Amino acid sequence: MKATLFADGGARGNPGPAALGAVLYDQSGDVLAAFGEYIGTATNNVAEWRAVLAGMEKAVELGVEVLAIRLDSELVVRQLTGVYRVKHPALIPLHERARTLMRKFRAVDVRHVPRKQNAAADAEVNQALDGHAAAERA
C-alpha cells in the first residue's frame, strides 16, 4: 500500500506547550488516519520531529509499504534526508528513530511543502493544543 503523510509540530513559546499532528492519506486521497497529541513542554523542532515519528509509526501499523512524507519544516526535511547533520543532543535520538522507521518501508520520499499544503496536520496540532489549554482552565 502507498500513502502520503503530512506531519506538523508546534509549540506556543519555544519551548512551550507543544503538540504534534499527522494525517495519512491513501493513494485515492482518502484519510487513513488523522490525529493530534499534546506532548508537554517542548521546542518547535522537537514537536516537528515527534510528529514525523508518530506519523511514520502509524503508517507502519497500517501496513504502508511506500510512504511519501510531506513537511512544512525545511530544517526537518533537510535533516531527515541527510542534507543537514543533526547536532542538537535532544534531536539526535529522534533522528535515529526516524532513520530506523524509514527502513521499514520499501520506499520513502521526503519533501518540503508550503505551509498551506500542510493545513490538515497543522489543524491537528492546534486542536491538541487548544484541547489541552481548555482542560487546564477547567
N, C-alpha and C. Protein backbone atom coordinates (compact mmCIF):
# COMPACT_ATOMS: atom_id res chain seq x y z
N MET A 1 0.85 -1.18 0.00
CA MET A 1 0.00 0.00 0.00
C MET A 1 0.89 1.25 0.00
N LYS A 2 0.46 2.25 -0.73
CA LYS A 2 1.13 3.55 -0.77
C LYS A 2 0.32 4.55 0.03
N ALA A 3 1.02 5.47 0.68
CA ALA A 3 0.35 6.51 1.46
C ALA A 3 1.21 7.76 1.49
N THR A 4 0.54 8.86 1.82
CA THR A 4 1.23 10.14 1.99
C THR A 4 0.97 10.63 3.40
N LEU A 5 2.05 10.98 4.08
CA LEU A 5 1.98 11.51 5.43
C LEU A 5 2.26 13.00 5.41
N PHE A 6 1.34 13.76 5.96
CA PHE A 6 1.55 15.17 6.23
C PHE A 6 1.69 15.27 7.74
N ALA A 7 2.79 15.84 8.20
CA ALA A 7 3.04 15.93 9.64
C ALA A 7 3.46 17.34 10.00
N ASP A 8 3.11 17.75 11.22
CA ASP A 8 3.46 19.09 11.69
C ASP A 8 3.57 19.05 13.20
N GLY A 9 4.39 19.90 13.73
CA GLY A 9 4.51 20.06 15.16
C GLY A 9 4.56 21.53 15.48
N GLY A 10 4.16 21.87 16.68
CA GLY A 10 4.19 23.28 17.06
C GLY A 10 4.28 23.45 18.55
N ALA A 11 4.87 24.56 18.94
CA ALA A 11 4.98 24.92 20.35
C ALA A 11 4.56 26.37 20.50
N ARG A 12 3.80 26.63 21.52
CA ARG A 12 3.39 28.01 21.82
C ARG A 12 4.38 28.55 22.84
N GLY A 13 5.40 29.20 22.30
CA GLY A 13 6.57 29.56 23.06
C GLY A 13 7.64 28.59 22.59
N ASN A 14 8.89 28.90 22.81
CA ASN A 14 9.92 27.99 22.31
C ASN A 14 11.06 27.89 23.31
N PRO A 15 10.98 27.00 24.30
CA PRO A 15 9.98 25.94 24.42
C PRO A 15 8.69 26.44 25.06
N GLY A 16 7.68 25.62 24.93
CA GLY A 16 6.37 25.92 25.49
C GLY A 16 5.46 24.74 25.30
N PRO A 17 4.18 24.91 25.62
CA PRO A 17 3.22 23.83 25.40
C PRO A 17 3.29 23.41 23.93
N ALA A 18 3.44 22.12 23.69
CA ALA A 18 3.68 21.63 22.33
C ALA A 18 2.77 20.47 21.98
N ALA A 19 2.58 20.31 20.67
CA ALA A 19 1.74 19.21 20.18
C ALA A 19 2.24 18.79 18.81
N LEU A 20 1.81 17.60 18.43
CA LEU A 20 2.10 17.08 17.10
C LEU A 20 0.80 16.81 16.38
N GLY A 21 0.87 16.79 15.06
CA GLY A 21 -0.29 16.45 14.26
C GLY A 21 0.16 15.68 13.04
N ALA A 22 -0.65 14.73 12.62
CA ALA A 22 -0.31 13.93 11.45
C ALA A 22 -1.59 13.49 10.75
N VAL A 23 -1.52 13.48 9.42
CA VAL A 23 -2.62 12.97 8.61
C VAL A 23 -2.03 12.07 7.54
N LEU A 24 -2.55 10.86 7.46
CA LEU A 24 -2.12 9.88 6.45
C LEU A 24 -3.23 9.72 5.42
N TYR A 25 -2.86 9.84 4.16
CA TYR A 25 -3.81 9.68 3.06
C TYR A 25 -3.43 8.46 2.22
N ASP A 26 -4.44 7.75 1.72
CA ASP A 26 -4.14 6.67 0.79
C ASP A 26 -3.97 7.23 -0.61
N GLN A 27 -3.74 6.36 -1.59
CA GLN A 27 -3.49 6.79 -2.97
C GLN A 27 -4.66 7.56 -3.57
N SER A 28 -5.86 7.31 -3.08
CA SER A 28 -7.04 7.98 -3.61
C SER A 28 -7.29 9.33 -2.95
N GLY A 29 -6.50 9.64 -1.93
CA GLY A 29 -6.69 10.90 -1.21
C GLY A 29 -7.62 10.78 -0.03
N ASP A 30 -8.05 9.55 0.28
CA ASP A 30 -8.90 9.33 1.45
C ASP A 30 -8.03 9.28 2.71
N VAL A 31 -8.57 9.76 3.81
CA VAL A 31 -7.82 9.79 5.07
C VAL A 31 -7.78 8.38 5.68
N LEU A 32 -6.56 7.90 5.89
CA LEU A 32 -6.35 6.63 6.59
C LEU A 32 -6.32 6.84 8.10
N ALA A 33 -5.73 7.96 8.52
CA ALA A 33 -5.62 8.29 9.94
C ALA A 33 -5.33 9.77 10.07
N ALA A 34 -5.89 10.37 11.10
CA ALA A 34 -5.62 11.78 11.40
C ALA A 34 -5.65 11.91 12.92
N PHE A 35 -4.61 12.52 13.45
CA PHE A 35 -4.56 12.64 14.91
C PHE A 35 -3.62 13.77 15.32
N GLY A 36 -3.88 14.26 16.52
CA GLY A 36 -3.02 15.23 17.16
C GLY A 36 -2.80 14.78 18.58
N GLU A 37 -1.69 15.21 19.16
CA GLU A 37 -1.38 14.80 20.54
C GLU A 37 -0.59 15.89 21.22
N TYR A 38 -1.04 16.25 22.42
CA TYR A 38 -0.29 17.17 23.25
C TYR A 38 0.92 16.42 23.78
N ILE A 39 2.11 17.02 23.71
CA ILE A 39 3.33 16.31 24.13
C ILE A 39 4.05 17.00 25.29
N GLY A 40 3.40 17.97 25.93
CA GLY A 40 4.04 18.65 27.06
C GLY A 40 4.86 19.84 26.60
N THR A 41 5.80 20.24 27.41
CA THR A 41 6.66 21.36 27.08
C THR A 41 7.79 20.87 26.19
N ALA A 42 7.94 21.52 25.04
CA ALA A 42 8.98 21.13 24.08
C ALA A 42 9.26 22.31 23.17
N THR A 43 10.35 22.19 22.43
CA THR A 43 10.65 23.19 21.40
C THR A 43 9.86 22.84 20.14
N ASN A 44 9.79 23.80 19.25
CA ASN A 44 9.13 23.58 17.98
C ASN A 44 9.80 22.44 17.20
N ASN A 45 11.13 22.41 17.21
CA ASN A 45 11.84 21.36 16.46
C ASN A 45 11.55 19.97 17.02
N VAL A 46 11.52 19.84 18.34
CA VAL A 46 11.18 18.55 18.94
C VAL A 46 9.77 18.14 18.53
N ALA A 47 8.83 19.10 18.55
CA ALA A 47 7.45 18.80 18.16
C ALA A 47 7.38 18.36 16.69
N GLU A 48 8.14 19.01 15.83
CA GLU A 48 8.17 18.63 14.41
C GLU A 48 8.67 17.19 14.25
N TRP A 49 9.76 16.87 14.94
CA TRP A 49 10.31 15.53 14.85
C TRP A 49 9.35 14.49 15.43
N ARG A 50 8.73 14.81 16.56
CA ARG A 50 7.78 13.88 17.18
C ARG A 50 6.59 13.62 16.25
N ALA A 51 6.18 14.64 15.49
CA ALA A 51 5.08 14.47 14.54
C ALA A 51 5.45 13.50 13.43
N VAL A 52 6.63 13.65 12.88
CA VAL A 52 7.10 12.74 11.83
C VAL A 52 7.14 11.31 12.37
N LEU A 53 7.69 11.14 13.56
CA LEU A 53 7.78 9.81 14.15
C LEU A 53 6.41 9.19 14.37
N ALA A 54 5.49 9.96 14.93
CA ALA A 54 4.14 9.43 15.18
C ALA A 54 3.46 9.03 13.88
N GLY A 55 3.62 9.86 12.86
CA GLY A 55 3.01 9.54 11.57
C GLY A 55 3.62 8.31 10.92
N MET A 56 4.94 8.19 11.01
CA MET A 56 5.61 7.01 10.45
C MET A 56 5.21 5.75 11.21
N GLU A 57 5.11 5.84 12.54
CA GLU A 57 4.70 4.68 13.33
C GLU A 57 3.30 4.24 12.95
N LYS A 58 2.41 5.19 12.74
CA LYS A 58 1.04 4.86 12.33
C LYS A 58 1.05 4.21 10.95
N ALA A 59 1.88 4.71 10.05
CA ALA A 59 1.97 4.13 8.70
C ALA A 59 2.44 2.68 8.77
N VAL A 60 3.43 2.40 9.61
CA VAL A 60 3.91 1.03 9.79
C VAL A 60 2.77 0.16 10.32
N GLU A 61 2.07 0.66 11.33
CA GLU A 61 0.95 -0.05 11.94
C GLU A 61 -0.13 -0.40 10.91
N LEU A 62 -0.36 0.50 9.96
CA LEU A 62 -1.39 0.30 8.94
C LEU A 62 -0.92 -0.53 7.75
N GLY A 63 0.36 -0.91 7.76
CA GLY A 63 0.87 -1.75 6.68
C GLY A 63 1.29 -1.00 5.43
N VAL A 64 1.57 0.28 5.56
CA VAL A 64 2.03 1.06 4.41
C VAL A 64 3.42 0.56 4.01
N GLU A 65 3.62 0.40 2.70
CA GLU A 65 4.92 -0.07 2.19
C GLU A 65 5.72 1.03 1.51
N VAL A 66 5.01 1.96 0.88
CA VAL A 66 5.64 3.08 0.17
C VAL A 66 5.07 4.36 0.77
N LEU A 67 5.94 5.18 1.35
CA LEU A 67 5.47 6.36 2.08
C LEU A 67 6.08 7.63 1.51
N ALA A 68 5.20 8.58 1.23
CA ALA A 68 5.61 9.94 0.88
C ALA A 68 5.42 10.78 2.14
N ILE A 69 6.46 11.47 2.56
CA ILE A 69 6.40 12.32 3.75
C ILE A 69 6.47 13.76 3.29
N ARG A 70 5.50 14.55 3.72
CA ARG A 70 5.42 15.96 3.34
C ARG A 70 5.40 16.81 4.61
N LEU A 71 6.37 17.72 4.70
CA LEU A 71 6.54 18.57 5.88
C LEU A 71 6.72 20.02 5.47
N ASP A 72 6.25 20.94 6.31
CA ASP A 72 6.49 22.35 6.01
C ASP A 72 7.74 22.88 6.73
N SER A 73 8.44 22.00 7.44
CA SER A 73 9.70 22.38 8.10
C SER A 73 10.86 22.01 7.19
N GLU A 74 11.45 23.03 6.56
CA GLU A 74 12.61 22.78 5.69
C GLU A 74 13.76 22.19 6.48
N LEU A 75 13.95 22.62 7.72
CA LEU A 75 15.03 22.10 8.54
C LEU A 75 14.88 20.59 8.75
N VAL A 76 13.70 20.14 9.15
CA VAL A 76 13.50 18.71 9.39
C VAL A 76 13.64 17.91 8.10
N VAL A 77 13.12 18.44 6.99
CA VAL A 77 13.28 17.76 5.71
C VAL A 77 14.77 17.58 5.40
N ARG A 78 15.54 18.63 5.57
CA ARG A 78 16.98 18.56 5.25
C ARG A 78 17.73 17.65 6.23
N GLN A 79 17.31 17.64 7.48
CA GLN A 79 17.95 16.73 8.44
C GLN A 79 17.55 15.28 8.15
N LEU A 80 16.30 15.06 7.83
CA LEU A 80 15.81 13.71 7.57
C LEU A 80 16.43 13.11 6.31
N THR A 81 16.69 13.94 5.33
CA THR A 81 17.27 13.45 4.07
C THR A 81 18.79 13.44 4.08
N GLY A 82 19.39 13.93 5.16
CA GLY A 82 20.84 13.89 5.27
C GLY A 82 21.57 15.09 4.68
N VAL A 83 20.83 16.08 4.22
CA VAL A 83 21.47 17.30 3.69
C VAL A 83 22.14 18.06 4.84
N TYR A 84 21.44 18.12 5.99
CA TYR A 84 22.00 18.74 7.20
C TYR A 84 22.22 17.66 8.24
N ARG A 85 23.28 17.82 9.02
CA ARG A 85 23.50 16.93 10.16
C ARG A 85 22.63 17.37 11.32
N VAL A 86 22.25 16.42 12.14
CA VAL A 86 21.52 16.72 13.37
C VAL A 86 22.55 16.84 14.47
N LYS A 87 22.66 18.04 15.05
CA LYS A 87 23.70 18.30 16.04
C LYS A 87 23.14 18.44 17.46
N HIS A 88 21.90 18.88 17.58
CA HIS A 88 21.34 19.15 18.91
C HIS A 88 21.10 17.82 19.64
N PRO A 89 21.62 17.71 20.87
CA PRO A 89 21.51 16.45 21.61
C PRO A 89 20.07 15.94 21.78
N ALA A 90 19.11 16.85 21.91
CA ALA A 90 17.71 16.42 22.10
C ALA A 90 17.12 15.85 20.81
N LEU A 91 17.68 16.22 19.67
CA LEU A 91 17.13 15.77 18.39
C LEU A 91 17.80 14.51 17.85
N ILE A 92 19.00 14.22 18.31
CA ILE A 92 19.74 13.07 17.78
C ILE A 92 18.96 11.75 17.94
N PRO A 93 18.41 11.44 19.13
CA PRO A 93 17.66 10.17 19.23
C PRO A 93 16.39 10.16 18.37
N LEU A 94 15.77 11.32 18.19
CA LEU A 94 14.58 11.39 17.34
C LEU A 94 14.96 11.12 15.89
N HIS A 95 16.06 11.70 15.45
CA HIS A 95 16.55 11.47 14.09
C HIS A 95 16.90 9.99 13.89
N GLU A 96 17.57 9.41 14.87
CA GLU A 96 17.94 7.99 14.77
C GLU A 96 16.71 7.11 14.67
N ARG A 97 15.68 7.41 15.47
CA ARG A 97 14.43 6.64 15.42
C ARG A 97 13.77 6.79 14.05
N ALA A 98 13.77 7.98 13.50
CA ALA A 98 13.18 8.21 12.18
C ALA A 98 13.92 7.41 11.11
N ARG A 99 15.24 7.40 11.17
CA ARG A 99 16.02 6.63 10.18
C ARG A 99 15.71 5.13 10.31
N THR A 100 15.54 4.65 11.54
CA THR A 100 15.18 3.24 11.75
C THR A 100 13.79 2.96 11.16
N LEU A 101 12.85 3.84 11.41
CA LEU A 101 11.49 3.65 10.88
C LEU A 101 11.48 3.69 9.35
N MET A 102 12.30 4.54 8.77
CA MET A 102 12.33 4.64 7.30
C MET A 102 12.72 3.31 6.66
N ARG A 103 13.52 2.52 7.35
CA ARG A 103 13.94 1.22 6.81
C ARG A 103 12.81 0.20 6.80
N LYS A 104 11.71 0.50 7.47
CA LYS A 104 10.57 -0.42 7.50
C LYS A 104 9.70 -0.30 6.23
N PHE A 105 9.99 0.67 5.40
CA PHE A 105 9.23 0.87 4.16
C PHE A 105 10.06 0.43 2.97
N ARG A 106 9.39 -0.01 1.92
CA ARG A 106 10.11 -0.34 0.67
C ARG A 106 10.72 0.92 0.07
N ALA A 107 10.00 2.04 0.19
CA ALA A 107 10.47 3.31 -0.35
C ALA A 107 9.89 4.45 0.46
N VAL A 108 10.70 5.51 0.62
CA VAL A 108 10.26 6.72 1.32
C VAL A 108 10.73 7.92 0.51
N ASP A 109 9.82 8.85 0.32
CA ASP A 109 10.14 10.10 -0.39
C ASP A 109 9.80 11.25 0.54
N VAL A 110 10.79 12.04 0.92
CA VAL A 110 10.60 13.15 1.86
C VAL A 110 10.74 14.45 1.10
N ARG A 111 9.73 15.30 1.23
CA ARG A 111 9.77 16.60 0.55
C ARG A 111 9.16 17.71 1.41
N HIS A 112 9.65 18.91 1.15
CA HIS A 112 9.09 20.11 1.78
C HIS A 112 7.87 20.56 0.99
N VAL A 113 6.85 21.01 1.72
CA VAL A 113 5.67 21.60 1.09
C VAL A 113 5.39 22.94 1.75
N PRO A 114 4.75 23.85 1.03
CA PRO A 114 4.36 25.12 1.65
C PRO A 114 3.39 24.87 2.82
N ARG A 115 3.43 25.76 3.78
CA ARG A 115 2.60 25.62 4.99
C ARG A 115 1.11 25.40 4.65
N LYS A 116 0.62 26.09 3.63
CA LYS A 116 -0.81 25.96 3.30
C LYS A 116 -1.17 24.55 2.84
N GLN A 117 -0.21 23.82 2.28
CA GLN A 117 -0.48 22.44 1.87
C GLN A 117 -0.45 21.48 3.06
N ASN A 118 0.00 21.96 4.19
CA ASN A 118 0.08 21.14 5.40
C ASN A 118 -0.99 21.54 6.41
N ALA A 119 -2.06 22.14 5.93
CA ALA A 119 -3.09 22.71 6.81
C ALA A 119 -3.79 21.66 7.66
N ALA A 120 -4.02 20.47 7.14
CA ALA A 120 -4.73 19.44 7.91
C ALA A 120 -3.91 19.00 9.12
N ALA A 121 -2.61 18.79 8.94
CA ALA A 121 -1.75 18.40 10.06
C ALA A 121 -1.64 19.55 11.06
N ASP A 122 -1.53 20.77 10.55
CA ASP A 122 -1.47 21.95 11.42
C ASP A 122 -2.74 22.07 12.26
N ALA A 123 -3.89 21.77 11.66
CA ALA A 123 -5.16 21.82 12.39
C ALA A 123 -5.17 20.80 13.53
N GLU A 124 -4.57 19.64 13.30
CA GLU A 124 -4.48 18.62 14.37
C GLU A 124 -3.62 19.13 15.52
N VAL A 125 -2.52 19.81 15.19
CA VAL A 125 -1.64 20.40 16.22
C VAL A 125 -2.43 21.40 17.06
N ASN A 126 -3.11 22.32 16.39
CA ASN A 126 -3.83 23.37 17.11
C ASN A 126 -4.99 22.83 17.92
N GLN A 127 -5.66 21.80 17.41
CA GLN A 127 -6.75 21.17 18.16
C GLN A 127 -6.20 20.54 19.44
N ALA A 128 -5.06 19.88 19.35
CA ALA A 128 -4.46 19.27 20.54
C ALA A 128 -4.02 20.34 21.54
N LEU A 129 -3.43 21.42 21.05
CA LEU A 129 -3.00 22.50 21.94
C LEU A 129 -4.20 23.20 22.58
N ASP A 130 -5.23 23.46 21.79
CA ASP A 130 -6.43 24.13 22.33
C ASP A 130 -7.15 23.24 23.33
N GLY A 131 -7.20 21.93 23.05
CA GLY A 131 -7.84 20.99 23.96
C GLY A 131 -7.11 20.93 25.29
N HIS A 132 -5.79 20.93 25.23
CA HIS A 132 -5.00 20.92 26.47
C HIS A 132 -5.22 22.22 27.24
N ALA A 133 -5.21 23.34 26.56
CA ALA A 133 -5.39 24.63 27.22
C ALA A 133 -6.77 24.70 27.89
N ALA A 134 -7.79 24.17 27.21
CA ALA A 134 -9.14 24.17 27.79
C ALA A 134 -9.20 23.28 29.03
N ALA A 135 -8.53 22.14 28.98
CA ALA A 135 -8.51 21.23 30.13
C ALA A 135 -7.79 21.86 31.32
N GLU A 136 -6.75 22.64 31.04
CA GLU A 136 -6.00 23.31 32.10
C GLU A 136 -6.86 24.37 32.79
N ARG A 137 -7.71 25.03 32.00
CA ARG A 137 -8.58 26.10 32.55
C ARG A 137 -9.73 25.51 33.37
N ALA A 138 -10.13 24.30 33.05
CA ALA A 138 -11.31 23.69 33.72
C ALA A 138 -11.03 23.30 35.15
